[in-house]
């Protein structure tokens, strides 16, 4: 799509249900993405301020690369893949899919799905929506997606380490999606 390298980043635990955000970063040569001292859009992690031997000064977060996209805290983003042109309608081409493995210590569970990130023709992020969900059910989870792979023809595979399966996903024009 843009020739850029995209990566997911999980924030640390024990800052509450909503902090720090998990992230999608666009990797650029020589950049510092802040972890573990800074998160999200250059926010300092107060737990590191003055308590860690090698903690950087507060102004160090100003020199880090901010997250490209903030994700819900504890959603545990792992694998990602872009939707290929082959086998999918044009409205899906080059959108990013991210496997949310799911939270383990949040009061209201989050994640447990594949999220779709829509981009415009120039590669700018526009919106996020659920692409595949249903793993999180009352009282637990049926599965936890881990990674997404694509192959020629537009077939995608999603691994699930809770159910111990690999799902095969493809577009069918005769199905309403």
Foldseek 3Di string as FASTA:
>chain_A
DQPWDKAKAAADDDPAQFPDFTAIATDDPPFAQQPPQAAAALHGDVVLVPPDPPRDPSCVSVRHDHGLDTHGHQLQWAAKDQQDPAQDDPQRHRWMKIFRQWHDPHPDIDHQFIKTWGADPNGRTDDIDTPGHDQDDPPGGVWGWHYWDADPRRWIWTATPVNRDIDIDGDDPVDDD
